[in-house]
Amino acid sequence: MCGNGQPHLGTGWAATISTTETLIEAAAQGDASGFVCNGADPELRDPADWEGLSAEEPERFAPEYWEQFAALNPQWSINLSLPEDRVAPGVEYPGDVFYRDTDDGLCLVAVAWWTVEGQSER
């Protein structure tokens, strides 16, 4: 079992999606602390910010793109999708999450927050 109580799936593409889906559910309930790596302090904000999000495409961490998170030593990143009914200019949401591989599975080191841009219909 991983530190978050989930079966250890190993690391990789499928494990990153599965862990992220479980993280989203836990964060929406205000209970994501079990996913956080020891010593990490990701910005989780409010449970409502995580409601309805979905896991999209995981990839190996790209330090040249995510320089601000490179020192945290993540191995995986995955983008999150905001549900259509929450898309509105100015809405902030967790757009990407970053994981480190551990002996117990993946743990969360950081969250990148995004703001929906655009103009509202008048």
N, C-alpha and C. Protein backbone atom coordinates (compact mmCIF):
# COMPACT_ATOMS: atom_id res chain seq x y z
N MET A 1 0.84 -1.19 0.00
CA MET A 1 0.00 0.00 0.00
C MET A 1 0.88 1.25 0.00
N CYS A 2 0.42 2.26 -0.69
CA CYS A 2 1.12 3.53 -0.68
C CYS A 2 0.78 4.27 0.60
N GLY A 3 1.50 5.35 0.85
CA GLY A 3 1.24 6.16 2.02
C GLY A 3 -0.16 6.76 2.01
N ASN A 4 -0.79 6.81 0.83
CA ASN A 4 -2.14 7.37 0.74
C ASN A 4 -3.22 6.30 0.88
N GLY A 5 -2.82 5.07 1.25
CA GLY A 5 -3.79 4.01 1.45
C GLY A 5 -4.22 3.31 0.18
N GLN A 6 -3.62 3.67 -0.94
CA GLN A 6 -3.97 3.06 -2.22
C GLN A 6 -3.00 1.93 -2.54
N PRO A 7 -3.43 0.93 -3.28
CA PRO A 7 -2.51 -0.14 -3.68
C PRO A 7 -1.34 0.44 -4.47
N HIS A 8 -0.15 -0.08 -4.24
CA HIS A 8 1.02 0.38 -4.97
C HIS A 8 0.96 -0.15 -6.39
N LEU A 9 0.83 0.75 -7.37
CA LEU A 9 0.70 0.36 -8.76
C LEU A 9 2.02 0.45 -9.50
N GLY A 10 3.07 0.83 -8.81
CA GLY A 10 4.32 1.10 -9.49
C GLY A 10 4.25 2.48 -10.10
N THR A 11 5.35 2.90 -10.67
CA THR A 11 5.34 4.23 -11.26
C THR A 11 5.18 4.10 -12.76
N GLY A 12 4.73 5.14 -13.35
CA GLY A 12 4.52 5.15 -14.78
C GLY A 12 3.22 5.83 -15.13
N TRP A 13 2.91 5.75 -16.39
CA TRP A 13 1.77 6.44 -16.96
C TRP A 13 0.46 6.08 -16.24
N ALA A 14 0.13 4.81 -16.18
CA ALA A 14 -1.15 4.38 -15.58
C ALA A 14 -1.21 4.73 -14.09
N ALA A 15 -0.10 4.54 -13.39
CA ALA A 15 -0.08 4.84 -11.95
C ALA A 15 -0.27 6.34 -11.71
N THR A 16 0.29 7.16 -12.60
CA THR A 16 0.15 8.61 -12.44
C THR A 16 -1.30 9.03 -12.63
N ILE A 17 -1.98 8.46 -13.61
CA ILE A 17 -3.40 8.78 -13.83
C ILE A 17 -4.22 8.30 -12.63
N SER A 18 -4.02 7.08 -12.21
CA SER A 18 -4.79 6.52 -11.09
C SER A 18 -4.57 7.32 -9.81
N THR A 19 -3.32 7.63 -9.51
CA THR A 19 -3.01 8.41 -8.30
C THR A 19 -3.67 9.78 -8.38
N THR A 20 -3.64 10.39 -9.57
CA THR A 20 -4.22 11.72 -9.73
C THR A 20 -5.73 11.71 -9.57
N GLU A 21 -6.39 10.71 -10.11
CA GLU A 21 -7.85 10.60 -9.94
C GLU A 21 -8.20 10.48 -8.45
N THR A 22 -7.42 9.69 -7.73
CA THR A 22 -7.66 9.53 -6.29
C THR A 22 -7.33 10.81 -5.54
N LEU A 23 -6.24 11.48 -5.94
CA LEU A 23 -5.88 12.77 -5.33
C LEU A 23 -7.00 13.78 -5.51
N ILE A 24 -7.54 13.89 -6.71
CA ILE A 24 -8.62 14.85 -6.97
C ILE A 24 -9.80 14.60 -6.04
N GLU A 25 -10.20 13.35 -5.91
CA GLU A 25 -11.32 13.01 -5.01
C GLU A 25 -10.99 13.40 -3.57
N ALA A 26 -9.79 13.07 -3.12
CA ALA A 26 -9.39 13.38 -1.74
C ALA A 26 -9.30 14.88 -1.52
N ALA A 27 -8.70 15.60 -2.46
CA ALA A 27 -8.55 17.06 -2.32
C ALA A 27 -9.91 17.74 -2.30
N ALA A 28 -10.87 17.24 -3.08
CA ALA A 28 -12.21 17.80 -3.10
C ALA A 28 -12.93 17.59 -1.76
N GLN A 29 -12.44 16.61 -0.99
CA GLN A 29 -12.99 16.35 0.35
C GLN A 29 -12.15 17.02 1.44
N GLY A 30 -11.09 17.72 1.04
CA GLY A 30 -10.20 18.37 2.00
C GLY A 30 -9.26 17.41 2.70
N ASP A 31 -8.98 16.27 2.07
CA ASP A 31 -8.21 15.22 2.71
C ASP A 31 -7.07 14.72 1.83
N ALA A 32 -6.27 15.64 1.29
CA ALA A 32 -5.20 15.25 0.39
C ALA A 32 -3.84 15.14 1.07
N SER A 33 -3.78 15.35 2.36
CA SER A 33 -2.48 15.37 3.04
C SER A 33 -1.73 14.05 2.93
N GLY A 34 -2.42 12.92 2.82
CA GLY A 34 -1.78 11.63 2.68
C GLY A 34 -1.04 11.43 1.37
N PHE A 35 -1.25 12.32 0.41
CA PHE A 35 -0.58 12.23 -0.89
C PHE A 35 0.71 13.03 -0.93
N VAL A 36 0.91 13.92 0.03
CA VAL A 36 2.01 14.87 0.02
C VAL A 36 3.31 14.22 0.48
N CYS A 37 4.38 14.44 -0.28
CA CYS A 37 5.70 13.93 0.09
C CYS A 37 6.17 14.55 1.40
N ASN A 38 6.91 13.78 2.16
CA ASN A 38 7.51 14.31 3.38
C ASN A 38 8.36 15.52 3.03
N GLY A 39 8.16 16.60 3.76
CA GLY A 39 8.93 17.82 3.55
C GLY A 39 8.39 18.72 2.45
N ALA A 40 7.41 18.28 1.70
CA ALA A 40 6.83 19.10 0.62
C ALA A 40 5.66 19.91 1.17
N ASP A 41 5.36 21.01 0.53
CA ASP A 41 4.26 21.87 0.95
C ASP A 41 3.52 22.41 -0.28
N PRO A 42 2.87 21.51 -1.04
CA PRO A 42 2.17 21.97 -2.24
C PRO A 42 0.97 22.84 -1.88
N GLU A 43 0.68 23.79 -2.74
CA GLU A 43 -0.44 24.70 -2.53
C GLU A 43 -1.74 24.01 -2.96
N LEU A 44 -2.50 23.52 -1.98
CA LEU A 44 -3.73 22.77 -2.27
C LEU A 44 -4.97 23.65 -2.33
N ARG A 45 -4.94 24.78 -1.64
CA ARG A 45 -6.06 25.73 -1.57
C ARG A 45 -7.34 25.06 -1.04
N ASP A 46 -8.49 25.46 -1.61
CA ASP A 46 -9.78 25.01 -1.07
C ASP A 46 -10.27 23.73 -1.75
N PRO A 47 -10.98 22.88 -0.99
CA PRO A 47 -11.54 21.66 -1.59
C PRO A 47 -12.40 21.94 -2.83
N ALA A 48 -13.16 23.01 -2.82
CA ALA A 48 -14.04 23.32 -3.96
C ALA A 48 -13.25 23.52 -5.25
N ASP A 49 -11.98 23.93 -5.15
CA ASP A 49 -11.16 24.14 -6.34
C ASP A 49 -10.89 22.84 -7.10
N TRP A 50 -11.01 21.70 -6.41
CA TRP A 50 -10.70 20.40 -6.99
C TRP A 50 -11.93 19.66 -7.52
N GLU A 51 -13.12 20.18 -7.23
CA GLU A 51 -14.35 19.49 -7.61
C GLU A 51 -14.52 19.41 -9.12
N GLY A 52 -14.77 18.19 -9.59
CA GLY A 52 -15.07 17.96 -11.00
C GLY A 52 -13.86 17.90 -11.92
N LEU A 53 -12.65 18.08 -11.39
CA LEU A 53 -11.47 18.02 -12.24
C LEU A 53 -11.26 16.59 -12.73
N SER A 54 -10.55 16.46 -13.84
CA SER A 54 -10.20 15.13 -14.32
C SER A 54 -8.73 15.09 -14.69
N ALA A 55 -8.14 13.91 -14.52
CA ALA A 55 -6.74 13.68 -14.87
C ALA A 55 -6.63 13.54 -16.38
N GLU A 56 -5.61 14.15 -16.95
CA GLU A 56 -5.41 14.10 -18.40
C GLU A 56 -4.14 13.31 -18.73
N GLU A 57 -3.18 13.90 -19.39
CA GLU A 57 -2.00 13.20 -19.88
C GLU A 57 -0.79 13.36 -18.96
N PRO A 58 -0.31 12.27 -18.39
CA PRO A 58 0.92 12.36 -17.60
C PRO A 58 2.15 12.36 -18.51
N GLU A 59 3.22 12.93 -18.00
CA GLU A 59 4.48 12.87 -18.73
C GLU A 59 5.64 12.97 -17.74
N ARG A 60 6.80 12.54 -18.20
CA ARG A 60 7.99 12.69 -17.38
C ARG A 60 8.22 14.17 -17.15
N PHE A 61 8.65 14.51 -15.93
CA PHE A 61 8.88 15.91 -15.58
C PHE A 61 9.90 16.54 -16.52
N ALA A 62 9.60 17.75 -17.00
CA ALA A 62 10.47 18.49 -17.91
C ALA A 62 11.01 19.72 -17.18
N PRO A 63 12.20 19.62 -16.57
CA PRO A 63 12.72 20.75 -15.79
C PRO A 63 12.94 22.01 -16.61
N GLU A 64 13.17 21.88 -17.90
CA GLU A 64 13.38 23.07 -18.73
C GLU A 64 12.08 23.86 -18.90
N TYR A 65 10.95 23.21 -18.76
CA TYR A 65 9.65 23.88 -18.86
C TYR A 65 9.13 24.34 -17.50
N TRP A 66 9.36 23.53 -16.50
CA TRP A 66 8.86 23.81 -15.14
C TRP A 66 10.02 24.15 -14.20
N GLU A 67 10.81 25.14 -14.55
CA GLU A 67 11.99 25.51 -13.77
C GLU A 67 11.67 25.78 -12.30
N GLN A 68 10.51 26.37 -12.03
CA GLN A 68 10.16 26.73 -10.66
C GLN A 68 9.97 25.52 -9.76
N PHE A 69 9.78 24.33 -10.33
CA PHE A 69 9.58 23.13 -9.53
C PHE A 69 10.75 22.15 -9.59
N ALA A 70 11.76 22.45 -10.37
CA ALA A 70 12.88 21.51 -10.59
C ALA A 70 13.58 21.14 -9.28
N ALA A 71 13.74 22.08 -8.37
CA ALA A 71 14.44 21.80 -7.11
C ALA A 71 13.69 20.80 -6.23
N LEU A 72 12.40 20.58 -6.51
CA LEU A 72 11.59 19.64 -5.73
C LEU A 72 11.79 18.19 -6.19
N ASN A 73 12.51 18.01 -7.29
CA ASN A 73 12.87 16.70 -7.82
C ASN A 73 11.67 15.81 -8.17
N PRO A 74 10.65 16.36 -8.85
CA PRO A 74 9.55 15.49 -9.30
C PRO A 74 10.00 14.65 -10.49
N GLN A 75 9.38 13.49 -10.63
CA GLN A 75 9.65 12.67 -11.81
C GLN A 75 8.49 12.69 -12.81
N TRP A 76 7.29 13.05 -12.33
CA TRP A 76 6.10 13.04 -13.18
C TRP A 76 5.32 14.33 -13.03
N SER A 77 4.69 14.73 -14.12
CA SER A 77 3.70 15.80 -14.08
C SER A 77 2.48 15.33 -14.86
N ILE A 78 1.33 15.87 -14.49
CA ILE A 78 0.10 15.53 -15.20
C ILE A 78 -0.81 16.75 -15.17
N ASN A 79 -1.40 17.04 -16.32
CA ASN A 79 -2.31 18.18 -16.37
C ASN A 79 -3.72 17.74 -15.98
N LEU A 80 -4.45 18.69 -15.45
CA LEU A 80 -5.83 18.46 -15.01
C LEU A 80 -6.77 19.27 -15.88
N SER A 81 -7.95 18.76 -16.06
CA SER A 81 -8.94 19.40 -16.90
C SER A 81 -10.09 19.93 -16.05
N LEU A 82 -10.44 21.17 -16.30
CA LEU A 82 -11.54 21.83 -15.60
C LEU A 82 -12.85 21.47 -16.29
N PRO A 83 -13.90 21.09 -15.53
CA PRO A 83 -15.17 20.76 -16.19
C PRO A 83 -15.77 21.98 -16.88
N GLU A 84 -16.46 21.74 -17.97
CA GLU A 84 -17.01 22.81 -18.79
C GLU A 84 -17.89 23.79 -18.00
N ASP A 85 -18.64 23.28 -17.02
CA ASP A 85 -19.53 24.17 -16.27
C ASP A 85 -18.79 25.10 -15.32
N ARG A 86 -17.49 24.92 -15.16
CA ARG A 86 -16.69 25.80 -14.31
C ARG A 86 -15.78 26.72 -15.11
N VAL A 87 -15.80 26.59 -16.44
CA VAL A 87 -14.94 27.42 -17.28
C VAL A 87 -15.56 28.81 -17.38
N ALA A 88 -14.84 29.79 -16.83
CA ALA A 88 -15.26 31.19 -16.90
C ALA A 88 -14.02 32.05 -16.68
N PRO A 89 -13.95 33.19 -17.35
CA PRO A 89 -12.78 34.05 -17.20
C PRO A 89 -12.49 34.36 -15.72
N GLY A 90 -11.22 34.22 -15.36
CA GLY A 90 -10.80 34.53 -14.00
C GLY A 90 -10.82 33.37 -13.02
N VAL A 91 -11.41 32.25 -13.39
CA VAL A 91 -11.45 31.09 -12.50
C VAL A 91 -10.03 30.52 -12.37
N GLU A 92 -9.60 30.31 -11.13
CA GLU A 92 -8.31 29.68 -10.88
C GLU A 92 -8.55 28.22 -10.50
N TYR A 93 -7.67 27.34 -11.00
CA TYR A 93 -7.82 25.92 -10.72
C TYR A 93 -6.44 25.25 -10.76
N PRO A 94 -6.31 24.09 -10.10
CA PRO A 94 -5.05 23.36 -10.17
C PRO A 94 -4.92 22.73 -11.56
N GLY A 95 -4.02 23.25 -12.37
CA GLY A 95 -3.90 22.83 -13.75
C GLY A 95 -2.91 21.71 -13.99
N ASP A 96 -1.91 21.61 -13.11
CA ASP A 96 -0.90 20.55 -13.22
C ASP A 96 -0.48 20.15 -11.82
N VAL A 97 -0.22 18.87 -11.63
CA VAL A 97 0.34 18.38 -10.36
C VAL A 97 1.63 17.64 -10.66
N PHE A 98 2.51 17.60 -9.66
CA PHE A 98 3.86 17.07 -9.83
C PHE A 98 4.14 16.05 -8.74
N TYR A 99 4.65 14.90 -9.16
CA TYR A 99 4.90 13.78 -8.25
C TYR A 99 6.37 13.36 -8.24
N ARG A 100 6.76 12.83 -7.11
CA ARG A 100 8.06 12.20 -6.96
C ARG A 100 7.83 10.71 -6.77
N ASP A 101 8.68 9.89 -7.38
CA ASP A 101 8.65 8.44 -7.16
C ASP A 101 9.24 8.13 -5.79
N THR A 102 8.58 7.26 -5.04
CA THR A 102 9.12 6.79 -3.77
C THR A 102 8.98 5.28 -3.73
N ASP A 103 9.54 4.66 -2.72
CA ASP A 103 9.39 3.20 -2.55
C ASP A 103 7.94 2.81 -2.35
N ASP A 104 7.11 3.75 -1.87
CA ASP A 104 5.70 3.48 -1.60
C ASP A 104 4.78 3.94 -2.72
N GLY A 105 5.34 4.41 -3.83
CA GLY A 105 4.52 4.91 -4.92
C GLY A 105 4.79 6.38 -5.16
N LEU A 106 3.82 7.07 -5.72
CA LEU A 106 3.96 8.48 -6.04
C LEU A 106 3.51 9.35 -4.88
N CYS A 107 4.22 10.46 -4.66
CA CYS A 107 3.76 11.44 -3.68
C CYS A 107 3.83 12.82 -4.31
N LEU A 108 2.95 13.69 -3.86
CA LEU A 108 2.77 15.03 -4.43
C LEU A 108 3.82 16.00 -3.89
N VAL A 109 4.48 16.74 -4.81
CA VAL A 109 5.43 17.75 -4.38
C VAL A 109 4.98 19.17 -4.71
N ALA A 110 4.14 19.34 -5.74
CA ALA A 110 3.75 20.70 -6.14
C ALA A 110 2.47 20.68 -6.96
N VAL A 111 1.82 21.84 -6.98
CA VAL A 111 0.63 22.07 -7.79
C VAL A 111 0.83 23.40 -8.53
N ALA A 112 0.62 23.40 -9.84
CA ALA A 112 0.66 24.64 -10.62
C ALA A 112 -0.78 25.11 -10.82
N TRP A 113 -1.03 26.33 -10.45
CA TRP A 113 -2.38 26.89 -10.56
C TRP A 113 -2.48 27.70 -11.84
N TRP A 114 -3.62 27.56 -12.51
CA TRP A 114 -3.89 28.24 -13.76
C TRP A 114 -5.11 29.14 -13.61
N THR A 115 -5.18 30.16 -14.44
CA THR A 115 -6.33 31.06 -14.47
C THR A 115 -6.94 30.99 -15.85
N VAL A 116 -8.26 30.77 -15.91
CA VAL A 116 -8.97 30.76 -17.19
C VAL A 116 -8.96 32.19 -17.74
N GLU A 117 -8.52 32.31 -18.97
CA GLU A 117 -8.49 33.62 -19.61
C GLU A 117 -9.63 33.76 -20.58
N GLY A 118 -9.87 34.97 -21.03
CA GLY A 118 -10.93 35.22 -21.98
C GLY A 118 -11.89 36.26 -21.46
N GLN A 119 -12.84 36.56 -22.26
CA GLN A 119 -13.83 37.56 -21.90
C GLN A 119 -15.19 36.90 -21.79
N SER A 120 -15.96 37.36 -20.83
CA SER A 120 -17.30 36.78 -20.68
C SER A 120 -18.23 37.35 -21.75
N GLU A 121 -19.23 36.56 -22.08
CA GLU A 121 -20.23 36.96 -23.07
C GLU A 121 -21.09 38.08 -22.48
N ARG A 122 -21.46 39.04 -23.31
CA ARG A 122 -22.32 40.13 -22.82
C ARG A 122 -23.59 40.18 -23.59
